[in-house]
Amino acid sequence: MQSEKINKNDIVMKNFLKYLGSIILLIGTALLTVYYFKNTAENTLLITAGALMVCGLIAHVVINKYVE
């Protein structure tokens, strides 16, 4: 019973890790959308969105290389 629970948790975690890079990319895209619709010009949102998108892309490639 306990080993089945561990296996289910392991599968759920692997599925979450597979999409972690994509989730980070979507958060960066959402920040770009906020920047577009906001009236003031702040470079902080652009820098944060760019950093999240680069990190999300790298995370997506690295994680999918090692996770089945």
PDB file of N, CA and C in Angstrom:
ATOM      1  N   MET A   1       0.828  -1.196   0.000  1.00  0.00           N
ATOM      2  CA  MET A   1       0.000   0.000   0.000  1.00  0.00           C
ATOM      3  C   MET A   1       0.870   1.257   0.000  1.00  0.00           C
ATOM      4  N   GLN A   2       1.895   1.263   0.859  1.00  0.00           N
ATOM      5  CA  GLN A   2       2.763   2.432   0.952  1.00  0.00           C
ATOM      6  C   GLN A   2       3.588   2.615  -0.318  1.00  0.00           C
ATOM      7  N   SER A   3       4.045   1.515  -0.918  1.00  0.00           N
ATOM      8  CA  SER A   3       4.855   1.622  -2.138  1.00  0.00           C
ATOM      9  C   SER A   3       4.022   2.134  -3.310  1.00  0.00           C
ATOM     10  N   GLU A   4       2.735   1.797  -3.358  1.00  0.00           N
ATOM     11  CA  GLU A   4       1.862   2.320  -4.403  1.00  0.00           C
ATOM     12  C   GLU A   4       1.693   3.824  -4.258  1.00  0.00           C
ATOM     13  N   LYS A   5       1.607   4.302  -3.036  1.00  0.00           N
ATOM     14  CA  LYS A   5       1.451   5.733  -2.794  1.00  0.00           C
ATOM     15  C   LYS A   5       2.715   6.476  -3.215  1.00  0.00           C
ATOM     16  N   ILE A   6       3.853   5.905  -2.934  1.00  0.00           N
ATOM     17  CA  ILE A   6       5.106   6.530  -3.332  1.00  0.00           C
ATOM     18  C   ILE A   6       5.209   6.572  -4.849  1.00  0.00           C
ATOM     19  N   ASN A   7       4.824   5.512  -5.522  1.00  0.00           N
ATOM     20  CA  ASN A   7       4.887   5.493  -6.973  1.00  0.00           C
ATOM     21  C   ASN A   7       3.956   6.533  -7.594  1.00  0.00           C
ATOM     22  N   LYS A   8       2.758   6.684  -7.046  1.00  0.00           N
ATOM     23  CA  LYS A   8       1.830   7.692  -7.566  1.00  0.00           C
ATOM     24  C   LYS A   8       2.382   9.097  -7.366  1.00  0.00           C
ATOM     25  N   ASN A   9       2.967   9.363  -6.199  1.00  0.00           N
ATOM     26  CA  ASN A   9       3.557  10.674  -5.940  1.00  0.00           C
ATOM     27  C   ASN A   9       4.740  10.931  -6.864  1.00  0.00           C
ATOM     28  N   ASP A  10       5.515   9.892  -7.134  1.00  0.00           N
ATOM     29  CA  ASP A  10       6.664  10.012  -8.027  1.00  0.00           C
ATOM     30  C   ASP A  10       6.215  10.348  -9.448  1.00  0.00           C
ATOM     31  N   ILE A  11       5.143   9.728  -9.901  1.00  0.00           N
ATOM     32  CA  ILE A  11       4.619   9.982 -11.246  1.00  0.00           C
ATOM     33  C   ILE A  11       4.087  11.416 -11.345  1.00  0.00           C
ATOM     34  N   VAL A  12       3.372  11.851 -10.314  1.00  0.00           N
ATOM     35  CA  VAL A  12       2.826  13.210 -10.321  1.00  0.00           C
ATOM     36  C   VAL A  12       3.962  14.227 -10.340  1.00  0.00           C
ATOM     37  N   MET A  13       5.015  13.988  -9.557  1.00  0.00           N
ATOM     38  CA  MET A  13       6.134  14.923  -9.510  1.00  0.00           C
ATOM     39  C   MET A  13       6.879  14.962 -10.839  1.00  0.00           C
ATOM     40  N   LYS A  14       7.059  13.819 -11.486  1.00  0.00           N
ATOM     41  CA  LYS A  14       7.732  13.797 -12.783  1.00  0.00           C
ATOM     42  C   LYS A  14       6.905  14.539 -13.831  1.00  0.00           C
ATOM     43  N   ASN A  15       5.575  14.381 -13.792  1.00  0.00           N
ATOM     44  CA  ASN A  15       4.724  15.110 -14.729  1.00  0.00           C
ATOM     45  C   ASN A  15       4.795  16.618 -14.482  1.00  0.00           C
ATOM     46  N   PHE A  16       4.857  17.018 -13.221  1.00  0.00           N
ATOM     47  CA  PHE A  16       4.987  18.435 -12.908  1.00  0.00           C
ATOM     48  C   PHE A  16       6.326  18.973 -13.386  1.00  0.00           C
ATOM     49  N   LEU A  17       7.392  18.218 -13.187  1.00  0.00           N
ATOM     50  CA  LEU A  17       8.713  18.669 -13.616  1.00  0.00           C
ATOM     51  C   LEU A  17       8.808  18.799 -15.129  1.00  0.00           C
ATOM     52  N   LYS A  18       8.095  17.936 -15.854  1.00  0.00           N
ATOM     53  CA  LYS A  18       8.117  18.020 -17.310  1.00  0.00           C
ATOM     54  C   LYS A  18       7.613  19.364 -17.805  1.00  0.00           C
ATOM     55  N   TYR A  19       6.639  19.930 -17.120  1.00  0.00           N
ATOM     56  CA  TYR A  19       6.013  21.167 -17.564  1.00  0.00           C
ATOM     57  C   TYR A  19       6.489  22.396 -16.797  1.00  0.00           C
ATOM     58  N   LEU A  20       7.464  22.258 -15.935  1.00  0.00           N
ATOM     59  CA  LEU A  20       7.919  23.382 -15.126  1.00  0.00           C
ATOM     60  C   LEU A  20       8.510  24.491 -15.991  1.00  0.00           C
ATOM     61  N   GLY A  21       9.304  24.142 -16.987  1.00  0.00           N
ATOM     62  CA  GLY A  21       9.874  25.152 -17.870  1.00  0.00           C
ATOM     63  C   GLY A  21       8.810  25.906 -18.633  1.00  0.00           C
ATOM     64  N   SER A  22       7.799  25.200 -19.099  1.00  0.00           N
ATOM     65  CA  SER A  22       6.697  25.847 -19.817  1.00  0.00           C
ATOM     66  C   SER A  22       5.897  26.774 -18.907  1.00  0.00           C
ATOM     67  N   ILE A  23       5.723  26.383 -17.667  1.00  0.00           N
ATOM     68  CA  ILE A  23       5.002  27.222 -16.707  1.00  0.00           C
ATOM     69  C   ILE A  23       5.773  28.513 -16.453  1.00  0.00           C
ATOM     70  N   ILE A  24       7.095  28.408 -16.326  1.00  0.00           N
ATOM     71  CA  ILE A  24       7.917  29.592 -16.112  1.00  0.00           C
ATOM     72  C   ILE A  24       7.845  30.517 -17.336  1.00  0.00           C
ATOM     73  N   LEU A  25       7.858  29.929 -18.533  1.00  0.00           N
ATOM     74  CA  LEU A  25       7.714  30.731 -19.748  1.00  0.00           C
ATOM     75  C   LEU A  25       6.375  31.466 -19.782  1.00  0.00           C
ATOM     76  N   LEU A  26       5.316  30.795 -19.377  1.00  0.00           N
ATOM     77  CA  LEU A  26       3.998  31.433 -19.354  1.00  0.00           C
ATOM     78  C   LEU A  26       3.933  32.575 -18.341  1.00  0.00           C
ATOM     79  N   ILE A  27       4.612  32.431 -17.220  1.00  0.00           N
ATOM     80  CA  ILE A  27       4.653  33.516 -16.232  1.00  0.00           C
ATOM     81  C   ILE A  27       5.381  34.722 -16.826  1.00  0.00           C
ATOM     82  N   GLY A  28       6.483  34.477 -17.543  1.00  0.00           N
ATOM     83  CA  GLY A  28       7.186  35.571 -18.217  1.00  0.00           C
ATOM     84  C   GLY A  28       6.327  36.247 -19.256  1.00  0.00           C
ATOM     85  N   THR A  29       5.563  35.463 -19.994  1.00  0.00           N
ATOM     86  CA  THR A  29       4.655  36.022 -20.994  1.00  0.00           C
ATOM     87  C   THR A  29       3.547  36.848 -20.333  1.00  0.00           C
ATOM     88  N   ALA A  30       3.055  36.393 -19.207  1.00  0.00           N
ATOM     89  CA  ALA A  30       2.029  37.145 -18.482  1.00  0.00           C
ATOM     90  C   ALA A  30       2.586  38.495 -18.007  1.00  0.00           C
ATOM     91  N   LEU A  31       3.838  38.513 -17.587  1.00  0.00           N
ATOM     92  CA  LEU A  31       4.446  39.780 -17.177  1.00  0.00           C
ATOM     93  C   LEU A  31       4.592  40.731 -18.358  1.00  0.00           C
ATOM     94  N   LEU A  32       4.904  40.202 -19.533  1.00  0.00           N
ATOM     95  CA  LEU A  32       4.969  41.044 -20.722  1.00  0.00           C
ATOM     96  C   LEU A  32       3.594  41.623 -21.062  1.00  0.00           C
ATOM     97  N   THR A  33       2.554  40.838 -20.849  1.00  0.00           N
ATOM     98  CA  THR A  33       1.190  41.319 -21.087  1.00  0.00           C
ATOM     99  C   THR A  33       0.834  42.438 -20.109  1.00  0.00           C
ATOM    100  N   VAL A  34       1.225  42.267 -18.853  1.00  0.00           N
ATOM    101  CA  VAL A  34       0.987  43.320 -17.854  1.00  0.00           C
ATOM    102  C   VAL A  34       1.730  44.584 -18.260  1.00  0.00           C
ATOM    103  N   TYR A  35       2.956  44.455 -18.727  1.00  0.00           N
ATOM    104  CA  TYR A  35       3.736  45.615 -19.162  1.00  0.00           C
ATOM    105  C   TYR A  35       3.062  46.324 -20.336  1.00  0.00           C
ATOM    106  N   TYR A  36       2.523  45.553 -21.262  1.00  0.00           N
ATOM    107  CA  TYR A  36       1.895  46.134 -22.446  1.00  0.00           C
ATOM    108  C   TYR A  36       0.661  46.961 -22.083  1.00  0.00           C
ATOM    109  N   PHE A  37      -0.151  46.464 -21.173  1.00  0.00           N
ATOM    110  CA  PHE A  37      -1.390  47.150 -20.831  1.00  0.00           C
ATOM    111  C   PHE A  37      -1.224  48.196 -19.735  1.00  0.00           C
ATOM    112  N   LYS A  38      -0.076  48.242 -19.096  1.00  0.00           N
ATOM    113  CA  LYS A  38       0.173  49.238 -18.064  1.00  0.00           C
ATOM    114  C   LYS A  38       0.603  50.544 -18.728  1.00  0.00           C
ATOM    115  N   ASN A  39       0.131  51.663 -18.220  1.00  0.00           N
ATOM    116  CA  ASN A  39       0.402  52.946 -18.848  1.00  0.00           C
ATOM    117  C   ASN A  39       1.802  53.476 -18.577  1.00  0.00           C
ATOM    118  N   THR A  40       2.404  53.110 -17.458  1.00  0.00           N
ATOM    119  CA  THR A  40       3.727  53.621 -17.138  1.00  0.00           C
ATOM    120  C   THR A  40       4.802  52.717 -17.732  1.00  0.00           C
ATOM    121  N   ALA A  41       5.930  53.305 -18.044  1.00  0.00           N
ATOM    122  CA  ALA A  41       7.043  52.543 -18.616  1.00  0.00           C
ATOM    123  C   ALA A  41       8.022  52.178 -17.503  1.00  0.00           C
ATOM    124  N   GLU A  42       8.092  50.906 -17.179  1.00  0.00           N
ATOM    125  CA  GLU A  42       9.027  50.421 -16.164  1.00  0.00           C
ATOM    126  C   GLU A  42       9.851  49.297 -16.768  1.00  0.00           C
ATOM    127  N   ASN A  43      11.147  49.433 -16.698  1.00  0.00           N
ATOM    128  CA  ASN A  43      12.008  48.396 -17.247  1.00  0.00           C
ATOM    129  C   ASN A  43      12.115  47.185 -16.326  1.00  0.00           C
ATOM    130  N   THR A  44      11.692  47.322 -15.091  1.00  0.00           N
ATOM    131  CA  THR A  44      11.759  46.209 -14.156  1.00  0.00           C
ATOM    132  C   THR A  44      10.926  45.030 -14.637  1.00  0.00           C
ATOM    133  N   LEU A  45       9.739  45.295 -15.127  1.00  0.00           N
ATOM    134  CA  LEU A  45       8.885  44.214 -15.639  1.00  0.00           C
ATOM    135  C   LEU A  45       9.513  43.547 -16.855  1.00  0.00           C
ATOM    136  N   LEU A  46      10.129  44.344 -17.728  1.00  0.00           N
ATOM    137  CA  LEU A  46      10.767  43.776 -18.918  1.00  0.00           C
ATOM    138  C   LEU A  46      11.956  42.896 -18.547  1.00  0.00           C
ATOM    139  N   ILE A  47      12.763  43.356 -17.611  1.00  0.00           N
ATOM    140  CA  ILE A  47      13.933  42.578 -17.183  1.00  0.00           C
ATOM    141  C   ILE A  47      13.497  41.285 -16.514  1.00  0.00           C
ATOM    142  N   THR A  48      12.489  41.371 -15.646  1.00  0.00           N
ATOM    143  CA  THR A  48      11.994  40.180 -14.960  1.00  0.00           C
ATOM    144  C   THR A  48      11.384  39.189 -15.945  1.00  0.00           C
ATOM    145  N   ALA A  49      10.587  39.690 -16.885  1.00  0.00           N
ATOM    146  CA  ALA A  49       9.963  38.815 -17.880  1.00  0.00           C
ATOM    147  C   ALA A  49      11.019  38.155 -18.752  1.00  0.00           C
ATOM    148  N   GLY A  50      12.011  38.914 -19.170  1.00  0.00           N
ATOM    149  CA  GLY A  50      13.082  38.346 -19.995  1.00  0.00           C
ATOM    150  C   GLY A  50      13.873  37.286 -19.247  1.00  0.00           C
ATOM    151  N   ALA A  51      14.193  37.567 -17.991  1.00  0.00           N
ATOM    152  CA  ALA A  51      14.932  36.594 -17.186  1.00  0.00           C
ATOM    153  C   ALA A  51      14.119  35.322 -16.979  1.00  0.00           C
ATOM    154  N   LEU A  52      12.828  35.471 -16.711  1.00  0.00           N
ATOM    155  CA  LEU A  52      11.974  34.292 -16.527  1.00  0.00           C
ATOM    156  C   LEU A  52      11.868  33.478 -17.811  1.00  0.00           C
ATOM    157  N   MET A  53      11.795  34.148 -18.943  1.00  0.00           N
ATOM    158  CA  MET A  53      11.670  33.421 -20.201  1.00  0.00           C
ATOM    159  C   MET A  53      12.957  32.669 -20.538  1.00  0.00           C
ATOM    160  N   VAL A  54      14.108  33.284 -20.287  1.00  0.00           N
ATOM    161  CA  VAL A  54      15.380  32.595 -20.531  1.00  0.00           C
ATOM    162  C   VAL A  54      15.541  31.426 -19.569  1.00  0.00           C
ATOM    163  N   CYS A  55      15.246  31.641 -18.292  1.00  0.00           N
ATOM    164  CA  CYS A  55      15.352  30.558 -17.298  1.00  0.00           C
ATOM    165  C   CYS A  55      14.360  29.434 -17.597  1.00  0.00           C
ATOM    166  N   GLY A  56      13.167  29.791 -18.034  1.00  0.00           N
ATOM    167  CA  GLY A  56      12.169  28.774 -18.376  1.00  0.00           C
ATOM    168  C   GLY A  56      12.599  27.937 -19.561  1.00  0.00           C
ATOM    169  N   LEU A  57      13.204  28.574 -20.553  1.00  0.00           N
ATOM    170  CA  LEU A  57      13.687  27.835 -21.719  1.00  0.00           C
ATOM    171  C   LEU A  57      14.808  26.881 -21.334  1.00  0.00           C
ATOM    172  N   ILE A  58      15.755  27.362 -20.551  1.00  0.00           N
ATOM    173  CA  ILE A  58      16.865  26.508 -20.102  1.00  0.00           C
ATOM    174  C   ILE A  58      16.344  25.382 -19.225  1.00  0.00           C
ATOM    175  N   ALA A  59      15.431  25.688 -18.319  1.00  0.00           N
ATOM    176  CA  ALA A  59      14.862  24.654 -17.437  1.00  0.00           C
ATOM    177  C   ALA A  59      14.127  23.601 -18.253  1.00  0.00           C
ATOM    178  N   HIS A  60      13.383  24.024 -19.257  1.00  0.00           N
ATOM    179  CA  HIS A  60      12.642  23.086 -20.095  1.00  0.00           C
ATOM    180  C   HIS A  60      13.594  22.112 -20.797  1.00  0.00           C
ATOM    181  N   VAL A  61      14.661  22.621 -21.350  1.00  0.00           N
ATOM    182  CA  VAL A  61      15.607  21.772 -22.069  1.00  0.00           C
ATOM    183  C   VAL A  61      16.331  20.831 -21.118  1.00  0.00           C
ATOM    184  N   VAL A  62      16.829  21.361 -20.002  1.00  0.00           N
ATOM    185  CA  VAL A  62      17.614  20.548 -19.067  1.00  0.00           C
ATOM    186  C   VAL A  62      16.745  19.502 -18.377  1.00  0.00           C
ATOM    187  N   ILE A  63      15.589  19.898 -17.905  1.00  0.00           N
ATOM    188  CA  ILE A  63      14.728  18.954 -17.176  1.00  0.00           C
ATOM    189  C   ILE A  63      14.239  17.842 -18.095  1.00  0.00           C
ATOM    190  N   ASN A  64      13.830  18.185 -19.306  1.00  0.00           N
ATOM    191  CA  ASN A  64      13.329  17.140 -20.216  1.00  0.00           C
ATOM    192  C   ASN A  64      14.443  16.230 -20.709  1.00  0.00           C
ATOM    193  N   LYS A  65      15.687  16.652 -20.569  1.00  0.00           N
ATOM    194  CA  LYS A  65      16.796  15.775 -20.938  1.00  0.00           C
ATOM    195  C   LYS A  65      16.983  14.678 -19.896  1.00  0.00           C
ATOM    196  N   TYR A  66      16.736  14.995 -18.627  1.00  0.00           N
ATOM    197  CA  TYR A  66      17.009  14.040 -17.554  1.00  0.00           C
ATOM    198  C   TYR A  66      15.782  13.317 -17.023  1.00  0.00           C
ATOM    199  N   VAL A  67      14.588  13.860 -17.204  1.00  0.00           N
ATOM    200  CA  VAL A  67      13.364  13.220 -16.703  1.00  0.00           C
ATOM    201  C   VAL A  67      12.758  12.403 -17.836  1.00  0.00           C
ATOM    202  N   GLU A  68      12.389  11.189 -17.517  1.00  0.00           N
ATOM    203  CA  GLU A  68      11.803  10.293 -18.533  1.00  0.00           C
ATOM    204  C   GLU A  68      10.481  10.820 -19.004  1.00  0.00           C
TER     205      GLU A  68
END
